[in-house]
Structure formats: structure tokens, C-alpha cells
Protein backbone atom coordinates (compact mmCIF):
# COMPACT_ATOMS: atom_id res chain seq x y z
CA MET A 1 -66.11 220.41 137.66
CA ALA A 2 -64.15 222.57 140.08
CA ILE A 3 -65.25 220.37 142.98
CA LEU A 4 -63.90 217.24 141.30
CA SER A 5 -60.51 218.86 140.71
CA LYS A 6 -60.27 219.87 144.38
CA ILE A 7 -61.09 216.29 145.42
CA ARG A 8 -58.38 215.01 143.08
CA GLU A 9 -55.86 217.44 144.57
CA ARG A 10 -56.56 216.19 148.09
CA SER A 11 -56.90 212.49 147.29
CA MET A 12 -54.05 211.36 149.59
CA PHE A 13 -55.55 213.31 152.48
CA LEU A 14 -58.93 211.67 151.89
CA ILE A 15 -57.37 208.20 151.70
CA ILE A 16 -55.61 208.76 155.04
CA ILE A 17 -58.81 210.03 156.69
CA ILE A 18 -60.82 207.07 155.40
CA GLY A 19 -58.11 204.63 156.53
CA LEU A 20 -58.02 206.13 160.03
CA ALA A 21 -61.81 205.99 160.25
CA LEU A 22 -61.81 202.30 159.28
CA PHE A 23 -59.08 201.56 161.81
CA ALA A 24 -60.98 203.40 164.56
CA PHE A 25 -64.12 201.46 163.70
CA VAL A 26 -62.35 198.11 164.09
CA LEU A 27 -60.34 199.06 167.18
CA ASP A 28 -62.05 198.50 170.52
CA PRO A 29 -60.74 200.67 173.39
CA SER A 30 -61.12 197.90 175.99
CA THR A 31 -59.08 195.52 173.83
CA LEU A 32 -56.34 198.10 173.50
CA GLY A 33 -56.25 198.57 177.29
CA ASP A 34 -56.05 194.81 177.87
CA PHE A 35 -53.26 194.50 175.32
CA PHE A 36 -51.01 196.96 177.17
CA ASP A 37 -51.94 195.79 180.70
CA SER A 38 -48.78 194.29 182.24
CA SER A 39 -50.66 192.51 185.05
CA LYS A 40 -52.10 190.03 182.54
CA VAL A 41 -48.79 188.89 181.07
CA ASN A 42 -49.05 185.33 182.45
CA GLN A 43 -52.81 185.08 182.07
CA VAL A 44 -53.82 182.62 179.35
CA GLY A 45 -57.58 182.90 179.58
CA GLU A 46 -60.62 183.29 181.76
CA ILE A 47 -63.37 180.79 182.56
CA ASN A 48 -66.48 181.86 184.51
CA GLY A 49 -64.68 184.99 185.73
CA GLU A 50 -61.68 183.04 187.06
CA SER A 51 -58.39 183.82 185.34
CA ILE A 52 -56.06 180.97 184.40
CA SER A 53 -52.31 181.43 184.52
CA LEU A 54 -49.87 179.93 182.08
CA GLN A 55 -48.40 177.61 184.72
CA GLU A 56 -51.81 176.28 185.72
CA PHE A 57 -52.74 175.73 182.07
CA THR A 58 -49.56 173.84 181.22
CA GLY A 59 -49.89 171.78 184.40
CA ARG A 60 -53.39 170.65 183.51
CA VAL A 61 -52.77 170.11 179.80
CA GLY A 62 -49.41 168.42 180.35
CA SER A 63 -51.01 165.84 182.64
CA LEU A 64 -53.37 164.63 179.92
């Protein structure tokens, strides 16, 4: 019974730890690095290893 009361006392701490663990499980380090990479600001996508800029994309889609 003493163990259950200690768990109840630290319930907020356990909720925070579980939430951080779930967030770390979902978060991919390479995605985080790509998100903050300023060299890819105008890059819309990548096809067969070739990056496509926003201007090139709008030029091709706008001509349809």
C-alpha cells in the first residue's frame, strides 16, 4: 500500500516522463534537422535525388 501512495504523490512527474517518452518515440532526429535547415527554404520536394525549387514547381504547374 505504501508503494501506491508514493506513486500517487508523484503522478504529475510520471505523466511528464511518459509524455516526453512518447514525444521522443515519435520524433525523428533527421526530420528535426531538415526542419531547421535554412538551405532548404525554397525546396518543395525531391524526385529521384533531384531537389525541386518552388519557382521550378510553380513554373511547371502553372503551365498546365
